[in-house]
Amino acid sequence: MKVVSPEREKARTEATAMMLMEAHALREQFMPFAKLRGIEDVATAYRVQDAYWRRQMARDNTQPGGFKIGLTTKKMQEMCGIDSPVAGYVPANRIYTSGVALDGRRQTHLGLEFEIAVKLDRDFPFRPVAYTQQELSQGVAAVAPGVELVDDRHCDYTTLEALSLIADNSWNEGIVVGAWQEPPKDLGAVEGVVTLDGQELGRGFGRDALGHPYVPLTWLANFRAGTDRPLKKGDVVMTGSLIRTHFPTQTCTYRYTLAGLGSVDVEVRF
């Protein structure tokens, strides 16, 4: 492997972040770019994500409101050539509440993912011993039905690989959450149902996210603990899709209901 100086690596990281800003602004199709940009491992991909995110924060005058977790099925991980989930920042100014009307033309190719959102009531800073799932469960203040907004920019999924996805902030464009509720005893058994203009679109269970939503949440806490932005009290975390992503093509309304935990409504306008 060729050795790259820290200065050159930083310059390449910033250049890739700028490329991503321009690609989104120009609404270019997502094409895998990791190999061409010298992104050879997960650590480098997250450094690019950080640089790209800093540029977005400066442009929009915002801060992280939480995180999203993606690739929470073994099938998707195998397809993308990675053995763990992936994460991305959620901007505080794009955390919407139920009933929001979104402009579907804002993104190049808007998709909606239907998940369980959690809100944390404590910090999870760096420590030498990994956090356990029990500790994360005790750190969850509330849960809610959540819809993640993604922009895959018309990706050809047969070419998708994890390093490019990570660098592009794992495609997050914001989230919509319902009313916060006390976590049920068995979050993995909670069933979610999505309707599109009143017709059922799909359904799934909390356990569809790697067996239980707290499994990817624990992974995220341990991953972020090794960075300069660990999970903090008040963060909202999207724990992974329970139902297949849907891409609206015309004005429509979604309702996503988690049994016993309420609903979240999202209107998309074109």
Protein backbone atom coordinates (compact mmCIF):
# COMPACT_ATOMS: atom_id res chain seq x y z
CA MET A 1 0.00 0.00 0.00
CA LYS A 2 1.33 3.44 -0.94
CA VAL A 3 2.11 5.68 2.04
CA VAL A 4 0.39 9.07 1.88
CA SER A 5 1.55 12.01 3.98
CA PRO A 6 -0.94 13.44 6.52
CA GLU A 7 -1.01 16.74 4.60
CA ARG A 8 -1.81 15.05 1.31
CA GLU A 9 -4.40 12.81 2.98
CA LYS A 10 -6.14 15.85 4.48
CA ALA A 11 -6.13 17.63 1.13
CA ARG A 12 -7.58 14.58 -0.59
CA THR A 13 -10.26 14.24 2.10
CA GLU A 14 -11.30 17.87 1.72
CA ALA A 15 -11.33 17.58 -2.07
CA THR A 16 -13.64 14.58 -1.86
CA ALA A 17 -15.93 16.43 0.55
CA MET A 18 -16.12 19.33 -1.89
CA MET A 19 -16.85 16.89 -4.72
CA LEU A 20 -19.81 15.55 -2.71
CA MET A 21 -21.14 19.05 -2.07
CA GLU A 22 -21.00 19.79 -5.79
CA ALA A 23 -22.48 16.43 -6.81
CA HIS A 24 -25.52 17.02 -4.61
CA ALA A 25 -25.91 20.61 -5.80
CA LEU A 26 -25.76 19.48 -9.43
CA ARG A 27 -28.09 16.53 -8.70
CA GLU A 28 -25.64 14.09 -10.23
CA GLN A 29 -26.34 10.36 -10.17
CA PHE A 30 -24.62 8.52 -7.33
CA MET A 31 -21.70 6.53 -8.69
CA PRO A 32 -19.26 4.61 -6.45
CA PHE A 33 -16.21 6.83 -6.03
CA ALA A 34 -14.20 5.32 -3.16
CA LYS A 35 -11.58 3.59 -5.27
CA LEU A 36 -11.03 6.60 -7.53
CA ARG A 37 -10.68 8.87 -4.48
CA GLY A 38 -8.24 6.67 -2.58
CA ILE A 39 -10.76 5.61 0.08
CA GLU A 40 -9.44 2.16 0.91
CA ASP A 41 -10.94 1.48 4.34
CA VAL A 42 -13.82 2.34 6.64
CA ALA A 43 -11.77 4.77 8.75
CA THR A 44 -10.91 6.84 5.69
CA ALA A 45 -14.54 6.80 4.54
CA TYR A 46 -15.68 8.22 7.89
CA ARG A 47 -13.00 10.94 7.73
CA VAL A 48 -14.48 12.01 4.40
CA GLN A 49 -17.96 11.88 5.93
CA ASP A 50 -16.81 14.16 8.74
CA ALA A 51 -15.31 16.65 6.29
CA TYR A 52 -18.42 16.58 4.11
CA TRP A 53 -20.65 17.00 7.17
CA ARG A 54 -18.64 19.97 8.47
CA ARG A 55 -19.23 21.71 5.16
CA GLN A 56 -22.96 21.03 5.36
CA MET A 57 -23.14 22.29 8.95
CA ALA A 58 -21.38 25.52 8.00
CA ARG A 59 -23.64 26.03 4.98
CA ASP A 60 -26.85 25.41 6.91
CA ASN A 61 -25.76 26.86 10.27
CA THR A 62 -26.74 23.70 12.15
CA GLN A 63 -25.35 21.02 14.45
CA PRO A 64 -25.81 17.24 14.76
CA GLY A 65 -29.23 16.37 16.14
CA GLY A 66 -28.39 12.68 16.21
CA PHE A 67 -27.45 9.83 13.91
CA LYS A 68 -28.86 7.30 11.48
CA ILE A 69 -27.88 3.66 11.23
CA GLY A 70 -28.06 1.82 7.92
CA LEU A 71 -27.33 -1.65 6.54
CA THR A 72 -29.05 -3.32 9.49
CA THR A 73 -29.67 -6.59 7.70
CA LYS A 74 -27.02 -9.19 6.94
CA LYS A 75 -28.25 -9.33 3.34
CA MET A 76 -27.55 -5.62 2.79
CA GLN A 77 -24.19 -5.85 4.55
CA GLU A 78 -23.13 -8.74 2.31
CA MET A 79 -24.28 -6.87 -0.79
CA CYS A 80 -22.18 -3.83 0.18
CA GLY A 81 -19.13 -5.84 1.28
CA ILE A 82 -19.08 -4.87 4.96
CA ASP A 83 -19.61 -6.81 8.19
CA SER A 84 -21.21 -4.04 10.27
CA PRO A 85 -23.90 -1.40 9.95
CA VAL A 86 -23.04 2.09 8.70
CA ALA A 87 -23.80 5.44 10.31
CA GLY A 88 -24.41 9.03 9.29
CA TYR A 89 -25.17 12.37 10.90
CA VAL A 90 -28.72 13.71 11.21
CA PRO A 91 -28.80 17.53 11.08
CA ALA A 92 -30.72 19.22 13.89
CA ASN A 93 -32.50 21.51 11.43
CA ARG A 94 -33.93 18.52 9.54
CA ILE A 95 -35.61 16.74 12.43
CA TYR A 96 -39.28 17.17 11.56
CA THR A 97 -42.43 16.25 13.47
CA SER A 98 -45.43 14.24 12.33
CA GLY A 99 -47.66 15.99 9.83
CA VAL A 100 -44.86 17.70 7.95
CA ALA A 101 -45.31 18.41 4.24
CA LEU A 102 -42.06 17.87 2.34
CA ASP A 103 -41.01 19.07 -1.09
CA GLY A 104 -40.13 15.88 -2.93
CA ARG A 105 -38.16 17.88 -5.49
CA ARG A 106 -35.60 19.02 -2.95
CA GLN A 107 -33.67 15.75 -3.31
CA THR A 108 -32.50 14.09 -6.50
CA HIS A 109 -34.31 10.82 -5.67
CA LEU A 110 -36.11 10.94 -2.35
CA GLY A 111 -36.70 7.70 -0.45
CA LEU A 112 -38.51 7.05 2.82
CA GLU A 113 -37.37 4.42 5.32
CA PHE A 114 -39.57 3.30 8.20
CA GLU A 115 -37.79 2.74 11.49
CA ILE A 116 -37.82 2.96 15.28
CA ALA A 117 -36.35 6.21 16.58
CA VAL A 118 -34.83 6.42 20.06
CA LYS A 119 -33.93 9.43 22.20
CA LEU A 120 -31.03 9.16 24.63
CA ASP A 121 -31.08 10.43 28.22
CA ARG A 122 -27.35 10.14 28.93
CA ASP A 123 -23.94 10.57 27.31
CA PHE A 124 -21.87 7.65 26.06
CA PRO A 125 -18.30 9.04 26.07
CA PHE A 126 -15.09 7.22 25.30
CA ARG A 127 -14.04 4.48 27.67
CA PRO A 128 -11.70 1.49 27.24
CA VAL A 129 -14.45 -1.09 27.84
CA ALA A 130 -17.22 -1.51 25.27
CA TYR A 131 -20.76 -0.52 26.16
CA THR A 132 -23.25 -3.36 26.52
CA GLN A 133 -26.72 -3.65 25.07
CA GLN A 134 -28.14 -3.48 28.59
CA GLU A 135 -26.39 -0.16 29.19
CA LEU A 136 -27.81 1.25 25.97
CA SER A 137 -31.30 0.06 26.81
CA GLN A 138 -31.02 1.86 30.15
CA GLY A 139 -29.89 5.00 28.34
CA VAL A 140 -32.96 5.24 26.11
CA ALA A 141 -35.36 7.90 27.39
CA ALA A 142 -38.10 7.36 24.79
CA VAL A 143 -38.94 5.76 21.46
CA ALA A 144 -41.13 6.82 18.55
CA PRO A 145 -42.07 5.83 15.03
CA GLY A 146 -39.54 7.47 12.74
CA VAL A 147 -39.22 7.97 9.00
CA GLU A 148 -35.77 8.58 7.57
CA LEU A 149 -35.44 10.67 4.43
CA VAL A 150 -32.70 9.46 2.11
CA ASP A 151 -31.41 10.53 -1.27
CA ASP A 152 -29.85 7.69 -3.22
CA ARG A 153 -29.42 9.94 -6.28
CA HIS A 154 -30.69 7.18 -8.57
CA CYS A 155 -27.95 4.77 -7.48
CA ASP A 156 -27.55 1.54 -9.42
CA TYR A 157 -27.73 -0.83 -6.44
CA THR A 158 -25.81 -3.53 -8.26
CA THR A 159 -22.75 -1.27 -7.97
CA LEU A 160 -23.29 0.00 -4.41
CA GLU A 161 -20.42 -0.45 -1.97
CA ALA A 162 -20.13 0.59 1.66
CA LEU A 163 -17.16 2.99 1.52
CA SER A 164 -18.80 5.39 -0.94
CA LEU A 165 -22.08 5.15 0.95
CA ILE A 166 -20.40 6.03 4.27
CA ALA A 167 -18.50 8.96 2.79
CA ASP A 168 -21.79 10.36 1.40
CA ASN A 169 -23.18 10.53 4.97
CA SER A 170 -24.98 7.24 4.39
CA TRP A 171 -27.46 9.23 2.26
CA ASN A 172 -29.27 10.88 5.19
CA GLU A 173 -31.43 13.91 4.34
CA GLY A 174 -33.33 14.24 7.61
CA ILE A 175 -35.93 12.41 9.69
CA VAL A 176 -39.57 12.72 10.74
CA VAL A 177 -40.57 11.48 14.20
CA GLY A 178 -43.86 10.90 15.96
CA ALA A 179 -44.70 11.53 19.61
CA TRP A 180 -42.15 10.15 22.07
CA GLN A 181 -43.31 7.25 24.24
CA GLU A 182 -41.86 5.17 27.06
CA PRO A 183 -39.98 2.17 25.62
CA PRO A 184 -42.07 -1.01 25.74
CA LYS A 185 -40.81 -4.12 27.47
CA ASP A 186 -40.02 -5.88 24.17
CA LEU A 187 -39.20 -3.40 21.44
CA GLY A 188 -38.17 -6.21 19.13
CA ALA A 189 -41.74 -7.56 19.07
CA VAL A 190 -43.31 -4.23 18.09
CA GLU A 191 -44.94 -4.37 14.66
CA GLY A 192 -44.76 -1.48 12.21
CA VAL A 193 -47.24 -0.91 9.39
CA VAL A 194 -46.97 1.64 6.57
CA THR A 195 -49.85 2.89 4.47
CA LEU A 196 -49.63 5.00 1.32
CA ASP A 197 -52.73 7.11 0.71
CA GLY A 198 -54.63 4.72 2.98
CA GLN A 199 -53.48 1.48 1.32
CA GLU A 200 -51.09 -0.84 3.13
CA LEU A 201 -47.58 -0.65 1.72
CA GLY A 202 -45.67 -2.97 4.03
CA ARG A 203 -45.06 -4.16 7.56
CA GLY A 204 -42.20 -5.34 9.73
CA PHE A 205 -41.03 -5.83 13.32
CA GLY A 206 -38.45 -4.24 15.59
CA ARG A 207 -36.47 -7.47 15.43
CA ASP A 208 -35.89 -6.93 11.69
CA ALA A 209 -33.04 -4.54 12.62
CA LEU A 210 -30.32 -7.12 13.40
CA GLY A 211 -32.59 -8.96 15.83
CA HIS A 212 -33.46 -5.96 18.02
CA PRO A 213 -33.16 -2.15 17.59
CA TYR A 214 -30.75 -1.97 20.54
CA VAL A 215 -28.23 -4.17 18.69
CA PRO A 216 -27.36 -1.53 16.07
CA LEU A 217 -27.75 1.17 18.74
CA THR A 218 -25.06 -0.53 20.85
CA TRP A 219 -22.82 -0.81 17.80
CA LEU A 220 -23.27 2.92 17.14
CA ALA A 221 -22.50 3.89 20.75
CA ASN A 222 -19.23 1.96 20.69
CA PHE A 223 -18.28 3.27 17.26
CA ARG A 224 -19.01 6.91 18.10
CA ALA A 225 -17.22 6.59 21.47
CA GLY A 226 -13.98 6.32 19.52
CA THR A 227 -14.59 9.59 17.66
CA ASP A 228 -14.64 13.27 18.61
CA ARG A 229 -18.45 13.22 18.60
CA PRO A 230 -19.75 10.39 20.82
CA LEU A 231 -23.44 9.89 21.49
CA LYS A 232 -24.89 12.51 23.83
CA LYS A 233 -27.96 13.04 25.96
CA GLY A 234 -30.77 14.30 23.72
CA ASP A 235 -29.48 12.65 20.55
CA VAL A 236 -32.10 11.06 18.31
CA VAL A 237 -30.97 7.82 16.67
CA MET A 238 -32.67 6.01 13.81
CA THR A 239 -32.08 2.31 14.40
CA GLY A 240 -32.61 0.84 10.92
CA SER A 241 -35.32 -0.02 8.43
CA LEU A 242 -38.12 -2.43 9.28
CA ILE A 243 -39.85 -2.07 5.92
CA ARG A 244 -38.52 -1.74 2.40
CA THR A 245 -37.58 1.78 1.28
CA HIS A 246 -40.25 3.53 -0.78
CA PHE A 247 -39.57 6.21 -3.41
CA PRO A 248 -42.55 8.50 -4.04
CA THR A 249 -43.15 9.74 -7.58
CA GLN A 250 -46.19 11.95 -7.04
CA THR A 251 -47.89 13.87 -4.25
CA CYS A 252 -48.93 11.39 -1.56
CA THR A 253 -49.30 10.78 2.18
CA TYR A 254 -47.65 8.09 4.28
CA ARG A 255 -48.75 6.93 7.71
CA TYR A 256 -46.36 4.75 9.66
CA THR A 257 -47.74 3.12 12.81
CA LEU A 258 -45.86 1.24 15.52
CA ALA A 259 -48.21 -0.92 17.57
CA GLY A 260 -48.73 0.70 20.96
CA LEU A 261 -46.40 3.59 20.11
CA GLY A 262 -48.50 5.76 17.83
CA SER A 263 -48.11 6.96 14.27
CA VAL A 264 -46.17 9.44 12.19
CA ASP A 265 -47.63 11.11 9.08
CA VAL A 266 -45.56 12.44 6.18
CA GLU A 267 -46.90 14.23 3.12
CA VAL A 268 -44.66 14.46 0.06
CA ARG A 269 -45.50 17.08 -2.54
CA PHE A 270 -44.34 17.33 -6.13
